[in-house]
Amino acid sequence: MAQCEVCGNEYYLAFQVVTAGVTHTFDCFECAIHKLAPICGTCGCKILGHGIEANDTFYCCAHCAHAQGARAIVDNAAHVQVS
C-alpha cells in the first residue's frame, strides 16, 4: 500500500501523478487538487479548470486577470473589444 503525501492515509488504490519531473502519491483526487492545483493570483481560489495565465501568473477568470492589469484577457467572445 502507498501513503498519501497530503493526508498520510495508506490506501491500496493510491495513485501517482508526475508533474515537472516530480512524482506525487495521493489517495484521492481531493488531496491531489489540494497539493497540485495552481492558486489564483487575485482571489486565492484553487484553479480546477484551464484558468488563465498572464504576466507569469495564473488566474481563475478574466475578471481576476483584469484586476491585476491583464486587460487583453477575455472569458468569452461577447467581451472581445474590437478596435
N, C-alpha and C. Protein backbone atom coordinates (compact mmCIF):
# COMPACT_ATOMS: atom_id res chain seq x y z
N MET A 1 0.84 -1.19 0.00
CA MET A 1 0.00 0.00 0.00
C MET A 1 0.88 1.24 0.00
N ALA A 2 0.37 2.27 -0.64
CA ALA A 2 1.11 3.54 -0.71
C ALA A 2 0.46 4.56 0.22
N GLN A 3 1.24 5.50 0.65
CA GLN A 3 0.78 6.52 1.59
C GLN A 3 0.60 7.86 0.87
N CYS A 4 -0.54 8.51 1.11
CA CYS A 4 -0.84 9.81 0.53
C CYS A 4 0.08 10.86 1.15
N GLU A 5 0.71 11.68 0.31
CA GLU A 5 1.64 12.68 0.83
C GLU A 5 0.93 13.89 1.43
N VAL A 6 -0.39 14.01 1.25
CA VAL A 6 -1.13 15.13 1.84
C VAL A 6 -1.73 14.74 3.18
N CYS A 7 -2.50 13.66 3.20
CA CYS A 7 -3.22 13.31 4.44
C CYS A 7 -2.58 12.17 5.22
N GLY A 8 -1.63 11.45 4.60
CA GLY A 8 -0.95 10.36 5.29
C GLY A 8 -1.68 9.03 5.27
N ASN A 9 -2.87 8.99 4.66
CA ASN A 9 -3.64 7.75 4.60
C ASN A 9 -2.92 6.71 3.75
N GLU A 10 -2.87 5.48 4.25
CA GLU A 10 -2.35 4.36 3.47
C GLU A 10 -3.53 3.70 2.79
N TYR A 11 -3.45 3.57 1.46
CA TYR A 11 -4.61 3.11 0.69
C TYR A 11 -4.14 2.24 -0.45
N TYR A 12 -4.81 1.12 -0.66
CA TYR A 12 -4.40 0.19 -1.70
C TYR A 12 -4.70 0.72 -3.10
N LEU A 13 -5.57 1.71 -3.24
CA LEU A 13 -5.87 2.30 -4.54
C LEU A 13 -5.20 3.66 -4.73
N ALA A 14 -4.17 3.93 -3.96
CA ALA A 14 -3.44 5.19 -4.13
C ALA A 14 -2.90 5.26 -5.56
N PHE A 15 -2.70 6.49 -6.03
CA PHE A 15 -2.21 6.69 -7.40
C PHE A 15 -1.11 7.73 -7.39
N GLN A 16 -0.37 7.75 -8.49
CA GLN A 16 0.73 8.70 -8.60
C GLN A 16 0.48 9.68 -9.74
N VAL A 17 0.94 10.90 -9.54
CA VAL A 17 0.89 11.94 -10.57
C VAL A 17 2.31 12.45 -10.73
N VAL A 18 2.77 12.51 -11.98
CA VAL A 18 4.10 13.05 -12.26
C VAL A 18 3.91 14.41 -12.91
N THR A 19 4.47 15.44 -12.30
CA THR A 19 4.40 16.79 -12.85
C THR A 19 5.75 17.47 -12.67
N ALA A 20 6.22 18.09 -13.73
CA ALA A 20 7.53 18.74 -13.73
C ALA A 20 8.64 17.79 -13.26
N GLY A 21 8.50 16.51 -13.61
CA GLY A 21 9.51 15.52 -13.28
C GLY A 21 9.48 15.00 -11.85
N VAL A 22 8.50 15.44 -11.07
CA VAL A 22 8.39 15.01 -9.67
C VAL A 22 7.17 14.10 -9.53
N THR A 23 7.33 12.97 -8.87
CA THR A 23 6.24 12.03 -8.66
C THR A 23 5.59 12.28 -7.30
N HIS A 24 4.27 12.38 -7.31
CA HIS A 24 3.48 12.59 -6.10
C HIS A 24 2.53 11.42 -5.93
N THR A 25 2.26 11.03 -4.69
CA THR A 25 1.35 9.93 -4.39
C THR A 25 0.17 10.45 -3.59
N PHE A 26 -1.04 10.07 -4.03
CA PHE A 26 -2.27 10.52 -3.38
C PHE A 26 -3.24 9.37 -3.21
N ASP A 27 -4.13 9.52 -2.22
CA ASP A 27 -5.16 8.51 -2.03
C ASP A 27 -6.49 8.92 -2.66
N CYS A 28 -6.62 10.21 -3.07
CA CYS A 28 -7.86 10.68 -3.68
C CYS A 28 -7.57 11.93 -4.50
N PHE A 29 -8.51 12.28 -5.35
CA PHE A 29 -8.36 13.49 -6.17
C PHE A 29 -8.38 14.75 -5.32
N GLU A 30 -9.12 14.74 -4.23
CA GLU A 30 -9.16 15.90 -3.36
C GLU A 30 -7.77 16.27 -2.85
N CYS A 31 -7.01 15.28 -2.42
CA CYS A 31 -5.65 15.55 -1.95
C CYS A 31 -4.75 15.99 -3.10
N ALA A 32 -4.92 15.40 -4.28
CA ALA A 32 -4.12 15.80 -5.44
C ALA A 32 -4.39 17.26 -5.79
N ILE A 33 -5.65 17.66 -5.77
CA ILE A 33 -6.01 19.05 -6.06
C ILE A 33 -5.42 19.97 -5.01
N HIS A 34 -5.54 19.59 -3.75
CA HIS A 34 -5.01 20.41 -2.66
C HIS A 34 -3.52 20.69 -2.86
N LYS A 35 -2.80 19.68 -3.29
CA LYS A 35 -1.34 19.81 -3.43
C LYS A 35 -0.92 20.46 -4.75
N LEU A 36 -1.61 20.14 -5.85
CA LEU A 36 -1.10 20.48 -7.16
C LEU A 36 -1.80 21.62 -7.90
N ALA A 37 -3.04 21.92 -7.56
CA ALA A 37 -3.77 22.94 -8.32
C ALA A 37 -3.15 24.32 -8.11
N PRO A 38 -2.98 25.06 -9.20
CA PRO A 38 -2.47 26.43 -9.04
C PRO A 38 -3.48 27.29 -8.29
N ILE A 39 -3.00 28.38 -7.72
CA ILE A 39 -3.85 29.28 -6.94
C ILE A 39 -3.96 30.60 -7.70
N CYS A 40 -5.17 31.14 -7.79
CA CYS A 40 -5.40 32.40 -8.48
C CYS A 40 -4.60 33.51 -7.81
N GLY A 41 -3.91 34.30 -8.64
CA GLY A 41 -3.08 35.39 -8.15
C GLY A 41 -3.86 36.56 -7.60
N THR A 42 -5.18 36.58 -7.79
CA THR A 42 -6.00 37.67 -7.28
C THR A 42 -6.85 37.24 -6.09
N CYS A 43 -7.68 36.22 -6.28
CA CYS A 43 -8.63 35.86 -5.22
C CYS A 43 -8.18 34.70 -4.35
N GLY A 44 -7.15 33.96 -4.79
CA GLY A 44 -6.62 32.88 -3.98
C GLY A 44 -7.32 31.54 -4.09
N CYS A 45 -8.33 31.43 -4.98
CA CYS A 45 -9.02 30.14 -5.10
C CYS A 45 -8.16 29.15 -5.87
N LYS A 46 -8.41 27.86 -5.67
CA LYS A 46 -7.72 26.82 -6.41
C LYS A 46 -8.29 26.80 -7.83
N ILE A 47 -7.43 26.73 -8.82
CA ILE A 47 -7.87 26.72 -10.21
C ILE A 47 -8.00 25.27 -10.65
N LEU A 48 -9.24 24.84 -10.86
CA LEU A 48 -9.51 23.44 -11.19
C LEU A 48 -9.69 23.22 -12.69
N GLY A 49 -9.97 24.27 -13.43
CA GLY A 49 -10.13 24.17 -14.88
C GLY A 49 -8.89 24.70 -15.58
N HIS A 50 -9.09 25.22 -16.77
CA HIS A 50 -7.97 25.74 -17.54
C HIS A 50 -7.36 26.98 -16.94
N GLY A 51 -8.20 27.85 -16.39
CA GLY A 51 -7.67 29.08 -15.83
C GLY A 51 -7.06 29.96 -16.90
N ILE A 52 -6.40 31.00 -16.49
CA ILE A 52 -5.79 31.96 -17.40
C ILE A 52 -4.38 32.25 -16.89
N GLU A 53 -3.44 32.30 -17.82
CA GLU A 53 -2.08 32.66 -17.44
C GLU A 53 -1.72 33.97 -18.12
N ALA A 54 -1.33 34.96 -17.35
CA ALA A 54 -0.92 36.26 -17.88
C ALA A 54 0.11 36.86 -16.94
N ASN A 55 1.08 37.55 -17.50
CA ASN A 55 2.11 38.21 -16.69
C ASN A 55 2.79 37.23 -15.73
N ASP A 56 3.03 36.00 -16.19
CA ASP A 56 3.68 34.95 -15.40
C ASP A 56 2.90 34.57 -14.14
N THR A 57 1.58 34.77 -14.16
CA THR A 57 0.73 34.45 -13.02
C THR A 57 -0.51 33.72 -13.51
N PHE A 58 -1.05 32.81 -12.68
CA PHE A 58 -2.29 32.12 -13.01
C PHE A 58 -3.47 32.84 -12.37
N TYR A 59 -4.58 32.89 -13.12
CA TYR A 59 -5.83 33.48 -12.63
C TYR A 59 -6.97 32.52 -12.92
N CYS A 60 -8.00 32.58 -12.09
CA CYS A 60 -9.14 31.68 -12.27
C CYS A 60 -10.08 32.16 -13.36
N CYS A 61 -10.08 33.48 -13.65
CA CYS A 61 -11.02 34.03 -14.63
C CYS A 61 -10.49 35.36 -15.17
N ALA A 62 -11.15 35.86 -16.22
CA ALA A 62 -10.75 37.13 -16.81
C ALA A 62 -10.90 38.28 -15.82
N HIS A 63 -11.93 38.24 -15.00
CA HIS A 63 -12.15 39.31 -14.02
C HIS A 63 -10.93 39.45 -13.10
N CYS A 64 -10.42 38.34 -12.60
CA CYS A 64 -9.24 38.39 -11.72
C CYS A 64 -8.00 38.82 -12.48
N ALA A 65 -7.85 38.40 -13.74
CA ALA A 65 -6.71 38.84 -14.55
C ALA A 65 -6.78 40.35 -14.78
N HIS A 66 -7.97 40.86 -15.06
CA HIS A 66 -8.14 42.30 -15.27
C HIS A 66 -7.76 43.08 -14.02
N ALA A 67 -8.09 42.56 -12.85
CA ALA A 67 -7.78 43.25 -11.60
C ALA A 67 -6.28 43.44 -11.41
N GLN A 68 -5.49 42.62 -12.09
CA GLN A 68 -4.03 42.72 -11.98
C GLN A 68 -3.41 43.33 -13.24
N GLY A 69 -4.24 43.97 -14.08
CA GLY A 69 -3.73 44.70 -15.22
C GLY A 69 -3.69 43.96 -16.54
N ALA A 70 -4.09 42.71 -16.58
CA ALA A 70 -4.10 41.94 -17.84
C ALA A 70 -5.41 42.22 -18.57
N ARG A 71 -5.52 43.39 -19.15
CA ARG A 71 -6.77 43.86 -19.76
C ARG A 71 -7.14 43.15 -21.06
N ALA A 72 -6.18 42.56 -21.75
CA ALA A 72 -6.47 41.91 -23.03
C ALA A 72 -7.16 40.56 -22.87
N ILE A 73 -7.20 40.03 -21.67
CA ILE A 73 -7.80 38.72 -21.41
C ILE A 73 -9.32 38.83 -21.47
N VAL A 74 -9.95 37.89 -22.18
CA VAL A 74 -11.42 37.81 -22.22
C VAL A 74 -11.84 36.40 -21.88
N ASP A 75 -13.05 36.26 -21.31
CA ASP A 75 -13.52 34.93 -20.96
C ASP A 75 -14.58 34.40 -21.92
N ASN A 76 -15.04 35.25 -22.84
CA ASN A 76 -15.94 34.78 -23.88
C ASN A 76 -15.97 35.82 -25.01
N ALA A 77 -16.50 35.42 -26.17
CA ALA A 77 -16.49 36.27 -27.35
C ALA A 77 -17.26 37.57 -27.15
N ALA A 78 -18.25 37.60 -26.29
CA ALA A 78 -19.04 38.80 -26.05
C ALA A 78 -18.21 39.93 -25.43
N HIS A 79 -17.09 39.58 -24.81
CA HIS A 79 -16.26 40.58 -24.15
C HIS A 79 -15.10 41.08 -25.01
N VAL A 80 -14.97 40.58 -26.22
CA VAL A 80 -13.87 40.99 -27.10
C VAL A 80 -14.09 42.45 -27.49
N GLN A 81 -13.06 43.28 -27.34
CA GLN A 81 -13.11 44.69 -27.72
C GLN A 81 -12.58 44.81 -29.14
N VAL A 82 -13.41 45.23 -30.06
CA VAL A 82 -12.99 45.41 -31.44
C VAL A 82 -12.49 46.83 -31.59
N SER A 83 -11.26 46.97 -32.11
CA SER A 83 -10.70 48.32 -32.24
C SER A 83 -10.85 48.88 -33.63
